[in-house]
Amino acid sequence: MSRFDRLALTPTVRRVQQEMGSAAAADRRLRDPAEHPEPLTAAEADFIGGLDAFLFASVGETGWPYVQFRGGPPGFVHVLDERTLGYLDVRGNRQYITTGNLRSDDRVALFFLDHARRTRLKLLGHATAVPAGADPALTERLGTPRTDGTVEQLVTVRVEAFAWNCPNHITPRFSHPELAEAMAPVHRRLARLEQENAALRAGLAR
């Protein structure tokens, strides 16, 4: 069993799986309990490093969950080592709900989604948010690349577990850079054809 299954498949979840008929499949993943946090591999590091956004979930003292969108240039979430992620948090609407939540409960869930490749990665961990000046060396390390704006905090996440999801129901969507890269050969061919067409028209005119 993966560490993610050990943390996510609570007794209540297991009862629901029994009710819904999926317990047998889950049983196969629960045979060998994973007691220790899972290290990130090159596959997770490359995937996270190639994305320009993710969703960050925390829980407040009232028990209500809160999900926050975080975006930036690809690679703004840095994989510092096999157990640690980090990024520079810039000033937003100044509600600081996630920051406040982390002070009472550092457990978080991160959701990384690549629409173009229909791939998603779920991650559980323990997060901290401290002023950027608290660790100048780490702040510098996380500075390239980073999200534009006024840096207020550096956020690190100590990874406990992760799991890759199936591509079901992920609608393929493409960013402007992805579309530009995919369409570049088409644009080059169109340019050549336009030049050839212009030359042919000039020849006919003569």
C-alpha atoms as a PDB file:
ATOM      1  CA  MET A   1       0.000   0.000   0.000  1.00  0.00           C
ATOM      2  CA  SER A   2       1.165   3.502  -0.672  1.00  0.00           C
ATOM      3  CA  ARG A   3       1.541   6.006   2.125  1.00  0.00           C
ATOM      4  CA  PHE A   4      -1.217   8.021   0.458  1.00  0.00           C
ATOM      5  CA  ASP A   5      -3.661   5.103   0.808  1.00  0.00           C
ATOM      6  CA  ARG A   6      -2.716   4.689   4.457  1.00  0.00           C
ATOM      7  CA  LEU A   7      -3.547   8.321   5.186  1.00  0.00           C
ATOM      8  CA  ALA A   8      -6.572   8.740   2.918  1.00  0.00           C
ATOM      9  CA  LEU A   9      -8.418   5.443   3.390  1.00  0.00           C
ATOM     10  CA  THR A  10      -9.823   6.080   6.849  1.00  0.00           C
ATOM     11  CA  PRO A  11     -12.230   3.634   8.547  1.00  0.00           C
ATOM     12  CA  THR A  12     -15.206   5.664   7.350  1.00  0.00           C
ATOM     13  CA  VAL A  13     -13.841   5.708   3.792  1.00  0.00           C
ATOM     14  CA  ARG A  14     -13.392   1.941   3.985  1.00  0.00           C
ATOM     15  CA  ARG A  15     -17.026   1.504   5.053  1.00  0.00           C
ATOM     16  CA  VAL A  16     -18.166   3.576   2.093  1.00  0.00           C
ATOM     17  CA  GLN A  17     -16.008   1.457  -0.210  1.00  0.00           C
ATOM     18  CA  GLN A  18     -17.757  -1.615   1.162  1.00  0.00           C
ATOM     19  CA  GLU A  19     -21.146  -0.017   0.473  1.00  0.00           C
ATOM     20  CA  MET A  20     -20.179   0.997  -3.067  1.00  0.00           C
ATOM     21  CA  GLY A  21     -18.505  -2.287  -4.009  1.00  0.00           C
ATOM     22  CA  SER A  22     -14.946  -1.030  -4.431  1.00  0.00           C
ATOM     23  CA  ALA A  23     -13.470  -2.463  -1.225  1.00  0.00           C
ATOM     24  CA  ALA A  24     -11.831  -5.447  -2.942  1.00  0.00           C
ATOM     25  CA  ALA A  25      -9.698  -3.195  -5.145  1.00  0.00           C
ATOM     26  CA  ALA A  26      -8.725  -1.114  -2.131  1.00  0.00           C
ATOM     27  CA  ASP A  27      -7.877  -4.246  -0.141  1.00  0.00           C
ATOM     28  CA  ARG A  28      -5.130  -5.092  -2.610  1.00  0.00           C
ATOM     29  CA  ARG A  29      -3.510  -1.720  -1.967  1.00  0.00           C
ATOM     30  CA  LEU A  30      -3.714  -2.125   1.808  1.00  0.00           C
ATOM     31  CA  ARG A  31      -1.818  -5.388   2.175  1.00  0.00           C
ATOM     32  CA  ASP A  32       1.603  -3.886   2.855  1.00  0.00           C
ATOM     33  CA  PRO A  33       1.216  -0.780   5.030  1.00  0.00           C
ATOM     34  CA  ALA A  34       3.593   2.062   4.226  1.00  0.00           C
ATOM     35  CA  GLU A  35       4.659   3.559   7.524  1.00  0.00           C
ATOM     36  CA  HIS A  36       7.120   6.162   6.299  1.00  0.00           C
ATOM     37  CA  PRO A  37       6.719   9.234   4.089  1.00  0.00           C
ATOM     38  CA  GLU A  38       7.204   8.623   0.388  1.00  0.00           C
ATOM     39  CA  PRO A  39      10.142  10.291  -1.370  1.00  0.00           C
ATOM     40  CA  LEU A  40       9.461  12.223  -4.542  1.00  0.00           C
ATOM     41  CA  THR A  41      11.098  10.771  -7.635  1.00  0.00           C
ATOM     42  CA  ALA A  42      12.337  12.426 -10.805  1.00  0.00           C
ATOM     43  CA  ALA A  43       8.897  11.829 -12.361  1.00  0.00           C
ATOM     44  CA  GLU A  44       7.114  13.912  -9.715  1.00  0.00           C
ATOM     45  CA  ALA A  45       9.826  16.585  -9.749  1.00  0.00           C
ATOM     46  CA  ASP A  46       9.651  16.968 -13.534  1.00  0.00           C
ATOM     47  CA  PHE A  47       5.861  17.073 -13.503  1.00  0.00           C
ATOM     48  CA  ILE A  48       5.625  19.700 -10.743  1.00  0.00           C
ATOM     49  CA  GLY A  49       8.430  21.742 -12.278  1.00  0.00           C
ATOM     50  CA  GLY A  50       6.639  21.926 -15.606  1.00  0.00           C
ATOM     51  CA  LEU A  51       3.366  23.354 -14.299  1.00  0.00           C
ATOM     52  CA  ASP A  52       2.288  26.972 -13.921  1.00  0.00           C
ATOM     53  CA  ALA A  53      -0.414  26.464 -11.271  1.00  0.00           C
ATOM     54  CA  PHE A  54      -1.776  24.209  -8.544  1.00  0.00           C
ATOM     55  CA  LEU A  55      -4.519  24.099  -5.901  1.00  0.00           C
ATOM     56  CA  PHE A  56      -3.624  24.331  -2.208  1.00  0.00           C
ATOM     57  CA  ALA A  57      -6.092  23.029   0.411  1.00  0.00           C
ATOM     58  CA  SER A  58      -5.916  23.716   4.143  1.00  0.00           C
ATOM     59  CA  VAL A  59      -8.330  23.384   7.081  1.00  0.00           C
ATOM     60  CA  GLY A  60      -9.299  26.102   9.544  1.00  0.00           C
ATOM     61  CA  GLU A  61     -10.047  25.908  13.254  1.00  0.00           C
ATOM     62  CA  THR A  62     -13.772  25.646  12.497  1.00  0.00           C
ATOM     63  CA  GLY A  63     -13.130  22.439  10.546  1.00  0.00           C
ATOM     64  CA  TRP A  64     -14.021  23.977   7.186  1.00  0.00           C
ATOM     65  CA  PRO A  65     -11.619  23.324   4.300  1.00  0.00           C
ATOM     66  CA  TYR A  66     -10.274  26.149   2.163  1.00  0.00           C
ATOM     67  CA  VAL A  67      -8.855  25.799  -1.355  1.00  0.00           C
ATOM     68  CA  GLN A  68      -6.556  28.410  -2.837  1.00  0.00           C
ATOM     69  CA  PHE A  69      -5.250  28.760  -6.390  1.00  0.00           C
ATOM     70  CA  ARG A  70      -1.555  29.457  -6.790  1.00  0.00           C
ATOM     71  CA  GLY A  71      -0.008  30.325 -10.159  1.00  0.00           C
ATOM     72  CA  GLY A  72       3.208  31.549 -11.710  1.00  0.00           C
ATOM     73  CA  PRO A  73       5.694  30.688 -14.436  1.00  0.00           C
ATOM     74  CA  PRO A  74       6.423  26.984 -14.971  1.00  0.00           C
ATOM     75  CA  GLY A  75       8.813  25.891 -12.241  1.00  0.00           C
ATOM     76  CA  PHE A  76       7.732  28.446  -9.633  1.00  0.00           C
ATOM     77  CA  VAL A  77       7.092  25.483  -7.294  1.00  0.00           C
ATOM     78  CA  HIS A  78      10.573  24.182  -6.570  1.00  0.00           C
ATOM     79  CA  VAL A  79      11.347  20.603  -5.576  1.00  0.00           C
ATOM     80  CA  LEU A  80      14.051  21.259  -2.988  1.00  0.00           C
ATOM     81  CA  ASP A  81      14.722  17.607  -2.220  1.00  0.00           C
ATOM     82  CA  GLU A  82      12.897  14.270  -2.286  1.00  0.00           C
ATOM     83  CA  ARG A  83      10.668  15.328   0.606  1.00  0.00           C
ATOM     84  CA  THR A  84      10.306  19.103   0.273  1.00  0.00           C
ATOM     85  CA  LEU A  85       8.572  21.599  -2.007  1.00  0.00           C
ATOM     86  CA  GLY A  86       8.900  25.355  -1.773  1.00  0.00           C
ATOM     87  CA  TYR A  87       7.758  28.554  -3.458  1.00  0.00           C
ATOM     88  CA  LEU A  88       7.672  32.272  -2.825  1.00  0.00           C
ATOM     89  CA  ASP A  89       4.217  33.537  -1.884  1.00  0.00           C
ATOM     90  CA  VAL A  90       3.396  36.975  -3.278  1.00  0.00           C
ATOM     91  CA  ARG A  91       0.863  39.515  -2.076  1.00  0.00           C
ATOM     92  CA  GLY A  92      -2.705  38.836  -3.187  1.00  0.00           C
ATOM     93  CA  ASN A  93      -6.051  39.974  -1.769  1.00  0.00           C
ATOM     94  CA  ARG A  94      -4.555  40.049   1.741  1.00  0.00           C
ATOM     95  CA  GLN A  95      -7.125  37.755   3.346  1.00  0.00           C
ATOM     96  CA  TYR A  96      -4.377  35.382   4.587  1.00  0.00           C
ATOM     97  CA  ILE A  97      -6.835  32.525   5.136  1.00  0.00           C
ATOM     98  CA  THR A  98      -4.357  29.822   4.162  1.00  0.00           C
ATOM     99  CA  THR A  99      -1.604  31.400   6.263  1.00  0.00           C
ATOM    100  CA  GLY A 100      -3.908  31.546   9.277  1.00  0.00           C
ATOM    101  CA  ASN A 101      -5.024  27.972   8.779  1.00  0.00           C
ATOM    102  CA  LEU A 102      -1.440  26.734   8.746  1.00  0.00           C
ATOM    103  CA  ARG A 103      -0.820  28.205  12.181  1.00  0.00           C
ATOM    104  CA  SER A 104      -3.455  25.956  13.729  1.00  0.00           C
ATOM    105  CA  ASP A 105      -3.055  22.876  11.492  1.00  0.00           C
ATOM    106  CA  ASP A 106      -0.127  22.431   9.126  1.00  0.00           C
ATOM    107  CA  ARG A 107      -1.685  19.497   7.244  1.00  0.00           C
ATOM    108  CA  VAL A 108      -2.387  20.351   3.607  1.00  0.00           C
ATOM    109  CA  ALA A 109      -3.342  18.788   0.295  1.00  0.00           C
ATOM    110  CA  LEU A 110      -1.914  19.944  -3.029  1.00  0.00           C
ATOM    111  CA  PHE A 111      -3.469  19.172  -6.401  1.00  0.00           C
ATOM    112  CA  PHE A 112      -1.346  19.476  -9.546  1.00  0.00           C
ATOM    113  CA  LEU A 113      -3.184  19.193 -12.881  1.00  0.00           C
ATOM    114  CA  ASP A 114      -1.841  19.172 -16.435  1.00  0.00           C
ATOM    115  CA  HIS A 115      -4.827  19.639 -18.730  1.00  0.00           C
ATOM    116  CA  ALA A 116      -2.817  19.310 -21.927  1.00  0.00           C
ATOM    117  CA  ARG A 117      -1.439  15.879 -20.999  1.00  0.00           C
ATOM    118  CA  ARG A 118      -4.498  14.847 -18.966  1.00  0.00           C
ATOM    119  CA  THR A 119      -2.408  14.029 -15.901  1.00  0.00           C
ATOM    120  CA  ARG A 120      -2.922  14.864 -12.220  1.00  0.00           C
ATOM    121  CA  LEU A 121      -0.945  14.415  -9.035  1.00  0.00           C
ATOM    122  CA  LYS A 122      -2.319  14.554  -5.477  1.00  0.00           C
ATOM    123  CA  LEU A 123       0.002  15.301  -2.587  1.00  0.00           C
ATOM    124  CA  LEU A 124      -0.391  15.370   1.204  1.00  0.00           C
ATOM    125  CA  GLY A 125       2.050  17.143   3.474  1.00  0.00           C
ATOM    126  CA  HIS A 126       2.843  19.555   6.281  1.00  0.00           C
ATOM    127  CA  ALA A 127       3.238  23.203   5.277  1.00  0.00           C
ATOM    128  CA  THR A 128       4.861  26.237   6.843  1.00  0.00           C
ATOM    129  CA  ALA A 129       4.673  29.893   5.831  1.00  0.00           C
ATOM    130  CA  VAL A 130       7.271  32.303   7.210  1.00  0.00           C
ATOM    131  CA  PRO A 131       8.383  35.827   6.253  1.00  0.00           C
ATOM    132  CA  ALA A 132      10.772  35.804   3.315  1.00  0.00           C
ATOM    133  CA  GLY A 133      13.430  37.496   5.428  1.00  0.00           C
ATOM    134  CA  ALA A 134      13.492  34.557   7.852  1.00  0.00           C
ATOM    135  CA  ASP A 135      15.678  32.551   5.455  1.00  0.00           C
ATOM    136  CA  PRO A 136      17.457  34.744   2.883  1.00  0.00           C
ATOM    137  CA  ALA A 137      19.343  31.817   1.348  1.00  0.00           C
ATOM    138  CA  LEU A 138      16.185  29.804   0.710  1.00  0.00           C
ATOM    139  CA  THR A 139      14.355  32.909  -0.501  1.00  0.00           C
ATOM    140  CA  GLU A 140      17.110  33.455  -3.071  1.00  0.00           C
ATOM    141  CA  ARG A 141      16.973  29.809  -4.124  1.00  0.00           C
ATOM    142  CA  LEU A 142      13.209  30.035  -4.686  1.00  0.00           C
ATOM    143  CA  GLY A 143      13.505  33.316  -6.569  1.00  0.00           C
ATOM    144  CA  THR A 144      14.118  31.945 -10.059  1.00  0.00           C
ATOM    145  CA  PRO A 145      11.573  31.399 -11.371  1.00  0.00           C
ATOM    146  CA  ARG A 146       8.888  32.889  -9.154  1.00  0.00           C
ATOM    147  CA  THR A 147       5.480  34.502  -9.411  1.00  0.00           C
ATOM    148  CA  ASP A 148       5.538  38.227 -10.215  1.00  0.00           C
ATOM    149  CA  GLY A 149       4.576  40.538  -7.370  1.00  0.00           C
ATOM    150  CA  THR A 150       5.656  41.585  -3.902  1.00  0.00           C
ATOM    151  CA  VAL A 151       7.084  38.590  -2.041  1.00  0.00           C
ATOM    152  CA  GLU A 152       5.622  38.296   1.440  1.00  0.00           C
ATOM    153  CA  GLN A 153       6.390  34.741   2.536  1.00  0.00           C
ATOM    154  CA  LEU A 154       8.238  31.615   1.672  1.00  0.00           C
ATOM    155  CA  VAL A 155       6.121  28.492   1.818  1.00  0.00           C
ATOM    156  CA  THR A 156       7.555  25.002   2.214  1.00  0.00           C
ATOM    157  CA  VAL A 157       5.708  21.701   2.183  1.00  0.00           C
ATOM    158  CA  ARG A 158       7.133  18.571   3.796  1.00  0.00           C
ATOM    159  CA  VAL A 159       5.737  15.740   1.707  1.00  0.00           C
ATOM    160  CA  GLU A 160       4.011  12.861   3.486  1.00  0.00           C
ATOM    161  CA  ALA A 161       2.439  11.074   0.530  1.00  0.00           C
ATOM    162  CA  PHE A 162       1.389  11.448  -3.087  1.00  0.00           C
ATOM    163  CA  ALA A 163      -0.666   9.605  -5.689  1.00  0.00           C
ATOM    164  CA  TRP A 164      -1.089   9.852  -9.447  1.00  0.00           C
ATOM    165  CA  ASN A 165      -4.633   9.971 -10.775  1.00  0.00           C
ATOM    166  CA  CYS A 166      -6.198   8.485 -13.884  1.00  0.00           C
ATOM    167  CA  PRO A 167      -6.975  10.817 -16.835  1.00  0.00           C
ATOM    168  CA  ASN A 168     -10.739  10.230 -16.706  1.00  0.00           C
ATOM    169  CA  HIS A 169     -12.849  13.342 -17.320  1.00  0.00           C
ATOM    170  CA  ILE A 170      -9.880  15.711 -17.687  1.00  0.00           C
ATOM    171  CA  THR A 171     -10.744  18.023 -20.574  1.00  0.00           C
ATOM    172  CA  PRO A 172      -7.648  18.773 -22.676  1.00  0.00           C
ATOM    173  CA  ARG A 173      -6.851  22.492 -22.510  1.00  0.00           C
ATOM    174  CA  PHE A 174      -3.763  24.294 -23.727  1.00  0.00           C
ATOM    175  CA  SER A 175      -1.988  27.451 -22.628  1.00  0.00           C
ATOM    176  CA  HIS A 176      -0.854  30.115 -25.095  1.00  0.00           C
ATOM    177  CA  PRO A 177       2.793  28.915 -24.982  1.00  0.00           C
ATOM    178  CA  GLU A 178       1.692  25.305 -25.550  1.00  0.00           C
ATOM    179  CA  LEU A 179      -0.510  26.309 -28.484  1.00  0.00           C
ATOM    180  CA  ALA A 180       2.253  28.471 -29.925  1.00  0.00           C
ATOM    181  CA  GLU A 181       4.715  25.586 -29.765  1.00  0.00           C
ATOM    182  CA  ALA A 182       2.245  23.144 -31.331  1.00  0.00           C
ATOM    183  CA  MET A 183       1.250  25.562 -34.087  1.00  0.00           C
ATOM    184  CA  ALA A 184       4.767  26.740 -34.941  1.00  0.00           C
ATOM    185  CA  PRO A 185       5.282  24.151 -37.752  1.00  0.00           C
ATOM    186  CA  VAL A 186       1.891  25.065 -39.228  1.00  0.00           C
ATOM    187  CA  HIS A 187       2.728  28.766 -39.216  1.00  0.00           C
ATOM    188  CA  ARG A 188       6.096  28.088 -40.871  1.00  0.00           C
ATOM    189  CA  ARG A 189       4.433  26.012 -43.569  1.00  0.00           C
ATOM    190  CA  LEU A 190       1.794  28.688 -44.155  1.00  0.00           C
ATOM    191  CA  ALA A 191       4.507  31.316 -44.497  1.00  0.00           C
ATOM    192  CA  ARG A 192       6.311  29.193 -47.119  1.00  0.00           C
ATOM    193  CA  LEU A 193       3.080  28.605 -49.019  1.00  0.00           C
ATOM    194  CA  GLU A 194       2.282  32.317 -48.988  1.00  0.00           C
ATOM    195  CA  GLN A 195       5.742  33.070 -50.375  1.00  0.00           C
ATOM    196  CA  GLU A 196       5.314  30.433 -53.086  1.00  0.00           C
ATOM    197  CA  ASN A 197       1.859  31.782 -53.894  1.00  0.00           C
ATOM    198  CA  ALA A 198       3.169  35.327 -54.136  1.00  0.00           C
ATOM    199  CA  ALA A 199       5.957  34.155 -56.473  1.00  0.00           C
ATOM    200  CA  LEU A 200       3.485  32.292 -58.678  1.00  0.00           C
ATOM    201  CA  ARG A 201       1.197  35.340 -58.886  1.00  0.00           C
ATOM    202  CA  ALA A 202       4.164  37.524 -59.794  1.00  0.00           C
ATOM    203  CA  GLY A 203       5.160  35.082 -62.523  1.00  0.00           C
ATOM    204  CA  LEU A 204       1.642  34.997 -63.965  1.00  0.00           C
ATOM    205  CA  ALA A 205       1.486  38.804 -63.913  1.00  0.00           C
ATOM    206  CA  ARG A 206       4.668  38.978 -65.949  1.00  0.00           C
END
